[in-house]
Amino acid sequence: MGDSTRKEDDANAHDRDYRGVYDRAIRILALRDHGVEELRRKLLAKGEPSALVERVLEACLGSGLLNDPLFAYRRAVSRMAGKGYGPLKVRGELLVLGLTPEVVSEGMAKALEEIDLGDIVARVFERRCAEFWKGGAAGADQRAKRRCFDLLFRRGFDTDTIHRVLSRSPAGVTYDGK
């Protein structure tokens, strides 16, 4: 009877350990969406046993709490439409978070279908660069153009897009997406 009780105690302790890791994962996910690899890193950094972390990740995947393609899409929309970052920066951020290139490409493609990148570029330009452009594109000096170019480049927009935006006056900033 002693071995049976010990096995039950071990099983109960293991269940409590699993439940603790699962609860920690839920608390992390309650703050914002995460990808599988990002959540794995956070749980392991908290000192959770890797075997339990893997079980919890499988449970979260099975229940739909973790979904890398959906996470990639939501994060891309949030960073581009919400924060004004360009596709290059957002793609890099998603890769750093541990998403596969295929998942990142899928999420970015879906996000770019639904948001107006031209509006985002124009909004960033108006908010952050218009102060450098006193007399429009023709009146802007090279330093002002360089500052705007650098800002848009750091925010993750490609050089063709930036050149198209900088060739227009601030009041008429448009972007045709080509």
Protein backbone atom coordinates (compact mmCIF):
# COMPACT_ATOMS: atom_id res chain seq x y z
CA MET A 1 0.00 0.00 0.00
CA GLY A 2 2.95 2.32 0.57
CA ASP A 3 4.08 2.12 -3.08
CA SER A 4 0.54 2.83 -4.28
CA THR A 5 0.23 5.90 -2.08
CA ARG A 6 3.66 7.14 -3.15
CA LYS A 7 2.69 6.77 -6.83
CA GLU A 8 -0.54 8.67 -6.24
CA ASP A 9 1.35 11.41 -4.41
CA ASP A 10 3.85 11.62 -7.28
CA ALA A 11 1.01 11.77 -9.81
CA ASN A 12 -0.76 14.48 -7.82
CA ALA A 13 2.45 16.50 -7.51
CA HIS A 14 3.05 16.13 -11.25
CA ASP A 15 -0.51 17.29 -11.97
CA ARG A 16 -0.02 20.30 -9.67
CA ASP A 17 3.24 21.12 -11.45
CA TYR A 18 1.55 20.85 -14.84
CA ARG A 19 -1.35 23.00 -13.66
CA GLY A 20 1.08 25.64 -12.37
CA VAL A 21 2.88 25.83 -15.71
CA TYR A 22 -0.44 25.87 -17.57
CA ASP A 23 -1.75 28.68 -15.35
CA ARG A 24 1.43 30.67 -15.91
CA ALA A 25 1.03 30.23 -19.68
CA ILE A 26 -2.58 31.43 -19.49
CA ARG A 27 -1.54 34.50 -17.50
CA ILE A 28 1.10 35.32 -20.12
CA LEU A 29 -1.38 34.82 -22.97
CA ALA A 30 -3.97 36.97 -21.19
CA LEU A 31 -1.68 39.99 -21.58
CA ARG A 32 -1.32 39.63 -25.37
CA ASP A 33 -1.01 37.06 -28.14
CA HIS A 34 2.24 35.11 -28.32
CA GLY A 35 3.77 32.71 -30.77
CA VAL A 36 4.68 29.18 -29.71
CA GLU A 37 8.42 29.83 -29.58
CA GLU A 38 8.06 33.11 -27.71
CA LEU A 39 5.85 31.47 -25.06
CA ARG A 40 8.27 28.53 -24.82
CA ARG A 41 11.17 30.92 -24.17
CA LYS A 42 9.25 32.82 -21.51
CA LEU A 43 8.20 29.70 -19.64
CA LEU A 44 11.68 28.20 -19.77
CA ALA A 45 13.16 31.52 -18.60
CA LYS A 46 10.90 31.29 -15.54
CA GLY A 47 12.59 27.97 -14.73
CA GLU A 48 9.75 25.69 -15.75
CA PRO A 49 10.76 22.10 -16.66
CA SER A 50 11.01 21.65 -20.42
CA ALA A 51 8.89 18.47 -20.43
CA LEU A 52 6.02 20.29 -18.73
CA VAL A 53 6.45 23.32 -20.99
CA GLU A 54 6.12 21.09 -24.06
CA ARG A 55 2.95 19.48 -22.66
CA VAL A 56 1.47 22.89 -21.92
CA LEU A 57 2.34 24.18 -25.40
CA GLU A 58 0.66 21.13 -26.96
CA ALA A 59 -2.43 21.74 -24.85
CA CYS A 60 -2.51 25.42 -25.82
CA LEU A 61 -2.11 24.55 -29.48
CA GLY A 62 -4.82 21.92 -29.27
CA SER A 63 -7.27 24.31 -27.64
CA GLY A 64 -6.52 27.16 -30.06
CA LEU A 65 -4.93 29.41 -27.45
CA LEU A 66 -1.75 29.39 -29.54
CA ASN A 67 -1.93 29.85 -33.28
CA ASP A 68 1.22 31.08 -35.00
CA PRO A 69 -0.38 32.10 -38.33
CA LEU A 70 -3.09 34.08 -36.56
CA PHE A 71 -0.52 35.62 -34.22
CA ALA A 72 1.65 36.66 -37.19
CA TYR A 73 -1.32 38.27 -38.94
CA ARG A 74 -2.56 40.12 -35.84
CA ARG A 75 0.89 41.33 -34.90
CA ALA A 76 1.56 42.54 -38.46
CA VAL A 77 -1.70 44.49 -38.59
CA SER A 78 -1.08 45.96 -35.15
CA ARG A 79 2.48 47.05 -35.88
CA MET A 80 1.77 48.44 -39.37
CA ALA A 81 -1.71 49.97 -39.05
CA GLY A 82 -1.50 50.77 -35.35
CA LYS A 83 2.10 51.86 -34.91
CA GLY A 84 3.04 52.96 -38.42
CA TYR A 85 5.87 50.51 -39.03
CA GLY A 86 6.70 49.25 -42.50
CA PRO A 87 6.61 45.66 -43.72
CA LEU A 88 10.38 45.16 -43.55
CA LYS A 89 10.59 46.04 -39.85
CA VAL A 90 7.50 44.01 -38.96
CA ARG A 91 8.76 40.96 -40.86
CA GLY A 92 12.06 41.14 -38.96
CA GLU A 93 10.27 41.46 -35.62
CA LEU A 94 8.14 38.40 -36.34
CA LEU A 95 11.20 36.35 -37.25
CA VAL A 96 12.95 37.42 -34.03
CA LEU A 97 9.90 36.22 -32.09
CA GLY A 98 10.63 32.71 -33.38
CA LEU A 99 8.05 32.38 -36.14
CA THR A 100 9.05 30.42 -39.22
CA PRO A 101 9.61 32.34 -42.48
CA GLU A 102 6.60 30.57 -44.00
CA VAL A 103 4.29 31.62 -41.16
CA VAL A 104 5.63 35.17 -41.28
CA SER A 105 5.08 35.38 -45.05
CA GLU A 106 1.55 34.05 -44.70
CA GLY A 107 0.67 36.49 -41.92
CA MET A 108 2.25 39.45 -43.69
CA ALA A 109 0.48 38.67 -46.97
CA LYS A 110 -2.90 38.48 -45.25
CA ALA A 111 -2.24 41.70 -43.32
CA LEU A 112 -1.12 43.59 -46.44
CA GLU A 113 -4.32 42.53 -48.21
CA GLU A 114 -6.38 44.20 -45.52
CA ILE A 115 -4.51 47.39 -44.71
CA ASP A 116 -3.70 50.41 -46.84
CA LEU A 117 0.07 50.68 -46.79
CA GLY A 118 -0.12 53.96 -48.68
CA ASP A 119 -2.20 55.47 -45.91
CA ILE A 120 0.31 54.28 -43.33
CA VAL A 121 3.28 55.79 -45.18
CA ALA A 122 1.42 59.07 -45.67
CA ARG A 123 0.38 59.18 -42.00
CA VAL A 124 3.95 58.57 -40.79
CA PHE A 125 5.25 61.17 -43.23
CA GLU A 126 2.72 63.79 -42.16
CA ARG A 127 3.25 63.14 -38.47
CA ARG A 128 7.03 62.83 -38.42
CA CYS A 129 8.46 64.51 -41.55
CA ALA A 130 6.20 67.40 -42.52
CA GLU A 131 8.01 69.70 -40.09
CA PHE A 132 11.19 69.33 -42.18
CA TRP A 133 9.41 70.28 -45.42
CA LYS A 134 8.61 73.96 -45.28
CA GLY A 135 7.99 74.52 -48.99
CA GLY A 136 7.04 71.07 -50.27
CA ALA A 137 9.22 68.56 -52.10
CA ALA A 138 10.79 71.19 -54.34
CA GLY A 139 11.65 73.44 -51.41
CA ALA A 140 13.01 70.78 -49.10
CA ASP A 141 16.74 70.80 -48.73
CA GLN A 142 18.86 67.67 -48.95
CA ARG A 143 19.23 67.47 -45.18
CA ALA A 144 15.44 67.43 -44.70
CA LYS A 145 15.03 64.77 -47.38
CA ARG A 146 17.78 62.69 -45.79
CA ARG A 147 16.19 62.94 -42.34
CA CYS A 148 12.82 61.83 -43.73
CA PHE A 149 14.40 59.05 -45.76
CA ASP A 150 16.28 57.77 -42.70
CA LEU A 151 13.19 57.92 -40.51
CA LEU A 152 11.02 55.99 -42.99
CA PHE A 153 13.80 53.49 -43.61
CA ARG A 154 14.24 52.83 -39.88
CA ARG A 155 10.50 52.31 -39.61
CA GLY A 156 10.75 49.50 -42.16
CA PHE A 157 9.66 50.94 -45.50
CA ASP A 158 11.53 49.96 -48.65
CA THR A 159 13.57 52.50 -50.62
CA ASP A 160 11.22 52.61 -53.64
CA THR A 161 8.29 53.49 -51.41
CA ILE A 162 10.31 56.14 -49.61
CA HIS A 163 11.49 57.75 -52.85
CA ARG A 164 7.90 57.92 -54.13
CA VAL A 165 6.72 59.58 -50.92
CA LEU A 166 9.62 62.05 -50.84
CA SER A 167 9.00 63.12 -54.43
CA ARG A 168 5.60 64.55 -53.46
CA SER A 169 4.68 67.54 -51.36
CA PRO A 170 3.47 66.92 -47.80
CA ALA A 171 -0.04 68.15 -48.55
CA GLY A 172 -0.41 65.77 -51.44
CA VAL A 173 1.33 62.68 -50.14
CA THR A 174 -0.06 59.66 -51.90
CA TYR A 175 1.21 56.20 -52.47
CA ASP A 176 -0.09 53.94 -55.20
CA GLY A 177 1.44 50.74 -53.81
CA LYS A 178 3.50 50.00 -56.91
